[in-house]
Protein backbone atom coordinates (compact mmCIF):
# COMPACT_ATOMS: atom_id res chain seq x y z
CA UNK A 1 44.65 -141.71 -18.90
CA UNK A 2 46.15 -143.14 -15.74
CA UNK A 3 49.81 -143.54 -14.85
CA UNK A 4 51.29 -146.97 -15.34
CA UNK A 5 52.23 -147.05 -11.66
CA UNK A 6 48.64 -148.18 -11.02
CA UNK A 7 49.94 -151.63 -11.90
CA UNK A 8 51.95 -151.58 -8.69
CA UNK A 9 49.23 -150.52 -6.23
CA UNK A 10 47.20 -152.97 -4.14
CA UNK A 11 44.22 -154.34 -6.11
CA UNK A 12 41.60 -152.84 -3.79
CA UNK A 13 43.15 -149.38 -4.04
CA UNK A 14 43.40 -149.61 -7.84
CA UNK A 15 39.77 -150.64 -8.05
CA UNK A 16 38.75 -147.70 -5.85
CA UNK A 17 40.67 -145.17 -7.91
CA UNK A 18 39.33 -146.42 -11.20
CA UNK A 19 35.74 -146.85 -10.00
CA UNK A 20 35.70 -143.32 -8.59
CA UNK A 21 36.81 -142.10 -12.01
CA UNK A 22 34.11 -144.03 -13.87
CA UNK A 23 36.60 -146.48 -15.36
CA UNK A 24 36.48 -150.26 -15.07
CA UNK A 25 39.34 -151.57 -12.89
CA UNK A 26 41.46 -153.46 -15.42
CA UNK A 27 45.07 -152.62 -14.64
CA UNK A 28 47.21 -155.37 -16.22
CA UNK A 29 49.60 -157.41 -14.10
CA UNK A 30 52.21 -160.05 -14.89
CA UNK A 31 50.21 -162.44 -12.77
CA UNK A 32 47.06 -162.04 -14.81
CA UNK A 33 48.88 -161.80 -18.15
CA UNK A 34 50.60 -165.18 -17.68
CA UNK A 35 47.70 -166.96 -16.02
CA UNK A 36 47.07 -170.08 -18.08
CA UNK A 37 50.61 -170.10 -19.52
CA UNK A 38 52.89 -170.69 -16.51
CA UNK A 39 53.51 -169.43 -13.00
CA UNK A 40 55.33 -166.11 -12.93
CA UNK A 41 57.48 -165.99 -9.81
CA UNK A 42 59.80 -163.78 -7.80
CA UNK A 43 62.55 -164.38 -5.25
CA UNK A 44 62.12 -162.22 -2.15
CA UNK A 45 64.14 -161.43 0.94
CA UNK A 46 62.99 -161.81 4.52
CA UNK A 47 62.40 -158.10 5.09
CA UNK A 48 59.83 -157.98 2.30
CA UNK A 49 57.73 -160.92 3.47
CA UNK A 50 57.93 -160.08 7.19
CA UNK A 51 56.49 -156.57 6.85
CA UNK A 52 59.68 -154.51 6.74
CA UNK A 53 59.03 -153.26 3.20
CA UNK A 54 55.28 -153.02 2.67
CA UNK A 55 55.48 -151.35 -0.74
CA UNK A 56 57.68 -154.11 -2.12
CA UNK A 57 55.38 -156.73 -0.60
CA UNK A 58 52.32 -155.17 -2.23
CA UNK A 59 54.02 -155.11 -5.62
CA UNK A 60 55.23 -158.69 -5.30
CA UNK A 61 51.85 -160.06 -4.25
CA UNK A 62 50.04 -158.20 -7.01
CA UNK A 63 52.42 -159.00 -9.84
CA UNK A 64 53.59 -162.56 -9.15
CA UNK A 65 51.92 -165.94 -8.66
CA UNK A 66 54.79 -167.77 -6.91
CA UNK A 67 57.49 -166.83 -4.39
CA UNK A 68 60.92 -168.30 -3.68
CA UNK A 69 62.92 -167.44 -0.53
CA UNK A 70 66.25 -166.03 -1.69
CA UNK A 71 68.21 -167.28 1.32
CA UNK A 72 65.96 -168.10 4.27
CA UNK A 73 65.34 -171.78 3.48
CA UNK A 74 69.01 -172.63 2.94
CA UNK A 75 70.73 -174.90 5.44
CA UNK A 76 72.80 -172.18 7.17
CA UNK A 77 69.65 -170.15 7.81
CA UNK A 78 67.35 -172.97 8.95
CA UNK A 79 69.80 -175.28 10.70
CA UNK A 80 72.88 -173.32 11.81
CA UNK A 81 73.89 -175.71 14.61
CA UNK A 82 73.54 -179.48 15.04
CA UNK A 83 70.74 -179.32 17.60
CA UNK A 84 69.16 -176.00 16.61
CA UNK A 85 66.66 -175.15 13.89
CA UNK A 86 65.38 -171.61 13.30
CA UNK A 87 62.16 -171.53 11.27
CA UNK A 88 61.02 -167.97 12.04
CA UNK A 89 62.18 -166.39 8.77
CA UNK A 90 61.04 -169.34 6.62
CA UNK A 91 57.63 -169.37 8.31
CA UNK A 92 57.11 -165.79 7.15
CA UNK A 93 57.34 -166.94 3.52
CA UNK A 94 54.78 -169.67 4.11
CA UNK A 95 52.42 -167.13 5.69
CA UNK A 96 53.04 -164.59 2.91
CA UNK A 97 52.40 -167.15 0.17
CA UNK A 98 49.17 -168.34 1.79
CA UNK A 99 47.87 -164.81 2.41
CA UNK A 100 48.49 -163.80 -1.20
CA UNK A 101 47.53 -167.08 -2.91
CA UNK A 102 51.06 -167.59 -4.24
CA UNK A 103 52.77 -170.93 -4.83
CA UNK A 104 55.70 -171.35 -2.42
CA UNK A 105 58.94 -172.84 -3.80
CA UNK A 106 61.43 -174.29 -1.30
CA UNK A 107 65.05 -173.35 -2.02
CA UNK A 108 67.23 -175.33 -1.34
CA UNK A 109 67.78 -178.59 0.60
CA UNK A 110 71.22 -179.87 -0.48
CA UNK A 111 73.91 -177.49 -1.76
CA UNK A 112 77.67 -177.28 -1.40
CA UNK A 113 77.41 -173.57 -0.50
CA UNK A 114 75.67 -171.87 2.44
CA UNK A 115 75.89 -175.12 4.40
CA UNK A 116 77.61 -174.94 7.82
CA UNK A 117 80.94 -176.72 8.13
CA UNK A 118 79.72 -178.85 11.04
CA UNK A 119 77.51 -180.75 8.60
CA UNK A 120 80.59 -182.32 6.99
CA UNK A 121 82.63 -182.88 10.18
CA UNK A 122 82.87 -185.96 12.36
CA UNK A 123 84.34 -186.49 15.82
CA UNK A 124 87.40 -184.43 16.64
CA UNK A 125 86.97 -182.22 13.62
CA UNK A 126 87.69 -185.05 11.21
CA UNK A 127 85.65 -185.56 8.04
CA UNK A 128 82.26 -187.15 8.65
CA UNK A 129 81.65 -190.68 7.44
CA UNK A 130 79.18 -191.56 4.71
CA UNK A 131 76.77 -192.98 7.28
CA UNK A 132 76.92 -189.87 9.48
CA UNK A 133 76.42 -187.47 6.58
CA UNK A 134 73.54 -189.48 5.13
CA UNK A 135 71.81 -189.42 8.52
CA UNK A 136 72.30 -185.66 8.81
CA UNK A 137 70.94 -185.18 5.29
CA UNK A 138 67.87 -187.31 6.00
CA UNK A 139 67.20 -185.68 9.37
CA UNK A 140 67.49 -182.19 7.89
CA UNK A 141 65.28 -182.94 4.89
CA UNK A 142 62.62 -184.63 7.02
CA UNK A 143 62.61 -181.75 9.52
CA UNK A 144 62.39 -179.01 6.88
CA UNK A 145 60.19 -180.64 4.24
CA UNK A 146 58.02 -182.16 6.95
CA UNK A 147 57.40 -178.79 8.58
CA UNK A 148 56.11 -177.30 5.32
CA UNK A 149 54.30 -180.41 4.10
CA UNK A 150 51.27 -179.35 2.09
CA UNK A 151 52.41 -175.71 2.01
CA UNK A 152 55.34 -175.91 -0.42
CA UNK A 153 54.49 -176.64 -4.06
CA UNK A 154 57.96 -177.87 -4.93
CA UNK A 155 61.53 -178.10 -3.60
CA UNK A 156 64.89 -177.44 -5.18
CA UNK A 157 66.18 -180.66 -3.65
CA UNK A 158 69.76 -180.52 -4.97
CA UNK A 159 71.37 -177.33 -6.22
CA UNK A 160 74.39 -176.96 -8.53
CA UNK A 161 75.82 -180.49 -8.37
CA UNK A 162 77.32 -180.36 -11.89
CA UNK A 163 80.91 -179.36 -12.62
CA UNK A 164 81.75 -176.37 -14.81
CA UNK A 165 84.65 -178.09 -16.57
CA UNK A 166 87.03 -181.02 -16.64
CA UNK A 167 86.22 -184.69 -17.23
CA UNK A 168 83.84 -185.18 -14.31
CA UNK A 169 80.09 -184.75 -14.66
CA UNK A 170 79.66 -183.90 -10.99
CA UNK A 171 81.21 -181.09 -8.97
CA UNK A 172 83.84 -182.10 -6.41
CA UNK A 173 81.67 -181.10 -3.44
CA UNK A 174 81.79 -182.39 0.16
CA UNK A 175 78.50 -184.20 -0.50
CA UNK A 176 80.04 -186.17 -3.34
CA UNK A 177 83.41 -186.76 -1.65
CA UNK A 178 81.86 -188.17 1.51
CA UNK A 179 78.69 -189.91 0.31
CA UNK A 180 79.54 -190.64 -3.31
CA UNK A 181 77.77 -189.98 -6.60
CA UNK A 182 74.51 -191.35 -5.23
CA UNK A 183 74.06 -188.40 -2.84
CA UNK A 184 71.54 -186.93 -5.29
CA UNK A 185 69.46 -190.11 -5.38
CA UNK A 186 69.47 -190.23 -1.60
CA UNK A 187 68.39 -186.58 -1.24
CA UNK A 188 65.45 -186.99 -3.59
CA UNK A 189 64.30 -190.19 -1.91
CA UNK A 190 64.45 -188.53 1.52
CA UNK A 191 62.42 -185.56 0.23
CA UNK A 192 59.81 -187.92 -1.23
CA UNK A 193 59.51 -189.67 2.12
CA UNK A 194 58.99 -186.35 3.89
CA UNK A 195 56.28 -185.02 1.55
CA UNK A 196 55.04 -187.47 -1.09
CA UNK A 197 52.91 -184.80 -2.80
CA UNK A 198 55.51 -182.03 -3.19
CA UNK A 199 57.22 -181.65 -6.57
CA UNK A 200 60.97 -182.31 -6.50
CA UNK A 201 63.45 -180.42 -8.70
CA UNK A 202 67.10 -180.41 -9.65
CA UNK A 203 68.40 -176.83 -10.08
CA UNK A 204 71.56 -175.50 -11.77
CA UNK A 205 73.07 -172.61 -13.74
CA UNK A 206 74.76 -172.54 -17.15
CA UNK A 207 72.63 -175.31 -18.65
CA UNK A 208 72.50 -173.40 -21.94
CA UNK A 209 76.15 -174.43 -22.36
CA UNK A 210 76.13 -177.51 -24.60
CA UNK A 211 78.61 -179.49 -22.48
CA UNK A 212 76.91 -178.79 -19.18
CA UNK A 213 73.44 -179.36 -20.65
CA UNK A 214 74.53 -182.72 -22.05
CA UNK A 215 75.95 -183.72 -18.68
CA UNK A 216 72.74 -182.64 -16.95
CA UNK A 217 70.63 -184.71 -19.35
CA UNK A 218 72.92 -187.69 -18.66
CA UNK A 219 72.61 -187.15 -14.90
CA UNK A 220 68.83 -186.81 -14.91
CA UNK A 221 68.25 -189.69 -17.32
CA UNK A 222 70.26 -191.93 -15.02
CA UNK A 223 68.20 -190.83 -12.03
CA UNK A 224 64.97 -191.53 -13.89
CA UNK A 225 66.24 -194.95 -14.98
CA UNK A 226 66.98 -195.77 -11.33
CA UNK A 227 63.47 -194.76 -10.30
CA UNK A 228 64.55 -191.65 -8.39
CA UNK A 229 61.49 -189.46 -7.67
CA UNK A 230 62.25 -186.28 -9.63
CA UNK A 231 59.55 -184.11 -11.21
CA UNK A 232 61.39 -181.23 -12.80
CA UNK A 233 64.57 -179.34 -13.57
CA UNK A 234 65.33 -175.70 -12.98
CA UNK A 235 67.56 -173.78 -15.35
CA UNK A 236 68.62 -170.76 -13.31
CA UNK A 237 69.02 -168.45 -16.33
CA UNK A 238 71.43 -165.82 -15.05
CA UNK A 239 71.82 -164.29 -18.50
CA UNK A 240 73.49 -161.37 -20.25
CA UNK A 241 72.20 -159.01 -22.94
CA UNK A 242 73.68 -161.04 -25.79
CA UNK A 243 74.35 -164.47 -24.32
CA UNK A 244 73.25 -167.18 -24.34
CA UNK A 245 71.57 -167.21 -27.72
CA UNK A 246 67.81 -167.73 -27.92
CA UNK A 247 68.51 -170.92 -29.84
CA UNK A 248 70.47 -172.35 -26.89
CA UNK A 249 67.74 -171.24 -24.46
CA UNK A 250 65.15 -173.14 -26.50
CA UNK A 251 67.40 -176.20 -26.94
CA UNK A 252 67.73 -176.37 -23.15
CA UNK A 253 63.98 -176.35 -22.59
CA UNK A 254 63.43 -179.03 -25.20
CA UNK A 255 66.27 -181.25 -23.95
CA UNK A 256 64.75 -181.50 -20.48
CA UNK A 257 61.12 -181.64 -21.53
CA UNK A 258 61.99 -184.62 -23.75
CA UNK A 259 62.96 -186.46 -20.56
CA UNK A 260 59.38 -186.04 -19.40
CA UNK A 261 60.35 -183.49 -16.75
CA UNK A 262 58.77 -180.15 -15.99
CA UNK A 263 61.05 -177.23 -16.90
CA UNK A 264 61.36 -174.18 -14.67
CA UNK A 265 63.24 -170.95 -15.29
CA UNK A 266 64.15 -170.47 -11.65
CA UNK A 267 66.46 -167.47 -11.21
CA UNK A 268 66.06 -165.21 -14.23
CA UNK A 269 67.95 -161.92 -14.47
CA UNK A 270 69.87 -160.13 -17.23
CA UNK A 271 73.27 -158.72 -16.25
CA UNK A 272 73.88 -155.44 -18.09
CA UNK A 273 77.41 -154.84 -16.77
CA UNK A 274 80.69 -155.85 -18.43
CA UNK A 275 82.71 -158.77 -17.07
CA UNK A 276 86.30 -159.96 -17.35
CA UNK A 277 85.54 -163.58 -16.59
CA UNK A 278 83.13 -166.15 -17.97
CA UNK A 279 79.71 -164.61 -17.33
CA UNK A 280 77.90 -167.92 -17.73
CA UNK A 281 79.47 -169.28 -14.52
CA UNK A 282 77.11 -168.19 -11.76
CA UNK A 283 79.04 -169.98 -9.00
CA UNK A 284 78.49 -167.84 -5.90
CA UNK A 285 82.20 -168.18 -5.02
CA UNK A 286 83.37 -166.60 -8.30
CA UNK A 287 85.10 -163.24 -7.79
CA UNK A 288 86.61 -160.63 -10.13
CA UNK A 289 88.62 -157.46 -9.56
CA UNK A 290 86.68 -154.34 -10.46
CA UNK A 291 87.36 -150.81 -11.63
CA UNK A 292 85.27 -147.87 -12.84
CA UNK A 293 85.11 -149.18 -16.41
CA UNK A 294 83.21 -152.23 -15.17
CA UNK A 295 80.61 -150.12 -13.33
CA UNK A 296 79.37 -147.69 -16.00
CA UNK A 297 75.74 -147.13 -14.89
CA UNK A 298 76.08 -145.79 -11.36
CA UNK A 299 73.83 -142.84 -12.20
CA UNK A 300 71.17 -144.96 -13.87
CA UNK A 301 70.61 -147.07 -16.95
CA UNK A 302 70.61 -144.95 -20.15
CA UNK A 303 67.55 -145.06 -22.40
CA UNK A 304 69.40 -147.00 -25.08
CA UNK A 305 70.33 -149.70 -22.57
CA UNK A 306 66.81 -149.75 -21.18
CA UNK A 307 65.53 -150.60 -24.65
CA UNK A 308 68.16 -153.32 -25.13
CA UNK A 309 67.15 -154.83 -21.81
CA UNK A 310 63.47 -154.62 -22.73
CA UNK A 311 64.09 -156.36 -26.05
CA UNK A 312 66.12 -159.11 -24.36
CA UNK A 313 63.30 -159.83 -21.93
CA UNK A 314 60.69 -159.75 -24.69
CA UNK A 315 62.72 -162.20 -26.76
CA UNK A 316 63.22 -164.55 -23.81
CA UNK A 317 59.55 -164.55 -22.86
CA UNK A 318 58.61 -165.21 -26.45
CA UNK A 319 60.68 -168.41 -26.22
CA UNK A 320 59.08 -169.35 -22.89
CA UNK A 321 55.58 -168.74 -24.25
CA UNK A 322 56.29 -170.74 -27.39
CA UNK A 323 57.24 -173.63 -25.10
CA UNK A 324 54.56 -173.04 -22.48
CA UNK A 325 53.45 -176.69 -22.60
CA UNK A 326 56.90 -177.56 -21.21
CA UNK A 327 57.67 -174.50 -19.05
CA UNK A 328 55.85 -174.67 -15.71
CA UNK A 329 57.27 -171.53 -14.08
CA UNK A 330 59.44 -168.49 -14.76
CA UNK A 331 60.88 -166.82 -11.63
CA UNK A 332 62.71 -163.48 -11.53
CA UNK A 333 65.65 -163.61 -9.13
CA UNK A 334 64.72 -160.54 -7.14
CA UNK A 335 61.96 -157.95 -7.15
CA UNK A 336 63.94 -154.83 -8.02
CA UNK A 337 67.38 -153.60 -9.04
CA UNK A 338 68.17 -152.32 -5.56
CA UNK A 339 67.98 -155.82 -4.09
CA UNK A 340 69.60 -157.90 -6.82
CA UNK A 341 72.49 -160.17 -5.90
CA UNK A 342 74.26 -158.89 -9.05
CA UNK A 343 75.14 -155.66 -7.26
CA UNK A 344 77.74 -157.78 -5.47
CA UNK A 345 78.53 -160.56 -7.96
CA UNK A 346 81.12 -161.22 -9.27
CA UNK A 347 82.43 -157.78 -8.28
CA UNK A 348 81.29 -156.25 -5.02
CA UNK A 349 79.75 -152.79 -4.80
CA UNK A 350 78.58 -152.24 -8.39
CA UNK A 351 75.28 -150.80 -9.59
CA UNK A 352 73.47 -153.33 -11.74
CA UNK A 353 70.06 -153.05 -13.44
CA UNK A 354 69.04 -156.64 -14.32
CA UNK A 355 65.36 -156.83 -13.35
CA UNK A 356 61.95 -155.51 -14.43
CA UNK A 357 61.55 -153.00 -11.58
CA UNK A 358 63.97 -150.20 -10.72
CA UNK A 359 65.40 -149.02 -7.41
CA UNK A 360 62.44 -146.70 -6.85
CA UNK A 361 60.08 -149.68 -7.24
CA UNK A 362 58.80 -148.37 -10.54
CA UNK A 363 58.30 -150.48 -13.68
CA UNK A 364 61.03 -150.32 -16.33
CA UNK A 365 60.51 -150.64 -20.09
CA UNK A 366 61.45 -154.31 -19.62
CA UNK A 367 58.39 -154.78 -17.41
CA UNK A 368 56.07 -153.57 -20.13
CA UNK A 369 57.87 -155.61 -22.78
CA UNK A 370 57.19 -158.77 -20.74
CA UNK A 371 53.53 -157.76 -20.42
CA UNK A 372 53.50 -157.13 -24.17
CA UNK A 373 54.87 -160.59 -24.92
CA UNK A 374 51.88 -162.17 -23.18
CA UNK A 375 49.47 -159.92 -25.04
CA UNK A 376 51.04 -160.80 -28.40
CA UNK A 377 50.73 -164.50 -27.60
CA UNK A 378 47.02 -164.13 -26.81
CA UNK A 379 46.41 -162.25 -30.06
CA UNK A 380 47.96 -164.96 -32.25
């Protein structure tokens, strides 16, 4: 009777429309559909939460139960210079989450990327010492986590510390080179000091790869054995239409839940464009050369591809729901196709369609397939 776009209007307006028509206000939302299973989250940009895109903000607050800042809580945004912090953009997320009763996820405290070079430099431009870098890490974590104490549900404490290949378990990052392998332990202990009640997570991509997953299990088991305060692990889940297999997705969830850790799907999207490189490597520094053959959907995603995308999302959410006792949160990495990072990664300037909502802020078939997965689970 009513257009499906009602799902995307503010709750009060939906209720008014339906009541005036003699119909009970019962428009389904992702937030309500997954209530009781796990948090359903979204990564947003600063413009959305600060009032620059009110339509997107209304959709996000209605559809999702948690919010992650895409970039505005990273070191380069919060702490661009040694003696200067800038919390204005991050504060907007805290206010947005509180106003809309959404869990706020802090992203991210320690990462090799989007961290200013001064962090790793000592006197005269030389490399910082272990002692200097540890102090900077602790000061930064205490300042940031302390500011949002009691307002952030959980923090991605360390992001992408694992290597993508070679004999080493850990990536050859400045954190590791200067501090040593224990930089992860130190970061988690500092975060626990700053907010003893916040959940603390390790976050990485490509964990559906058997080698990287095994290394991650080894890393996390060692941290747990040493008494490091870690509560959960985030598998980013930047996926493609065919890969990774559902079996590998489920193996990943089980491998981490067996450690006694909460499992989060932290950055879910499904890349529909072709790639020349290894699509499972979501390293932000990865780049490929593009041409027209690698950007086939500039005019929109064809119906056949829409259905493939919808099926992929339905299949993934069926796995998440089957493991809902282990999965604490599933977060989409972006609200809509117009704002996805995949328009610029790994080839700049392409037109990707990886999310549940299109560029006009309208629900795609994938949106309704995710709603349908929750309904099927309830009916079992």
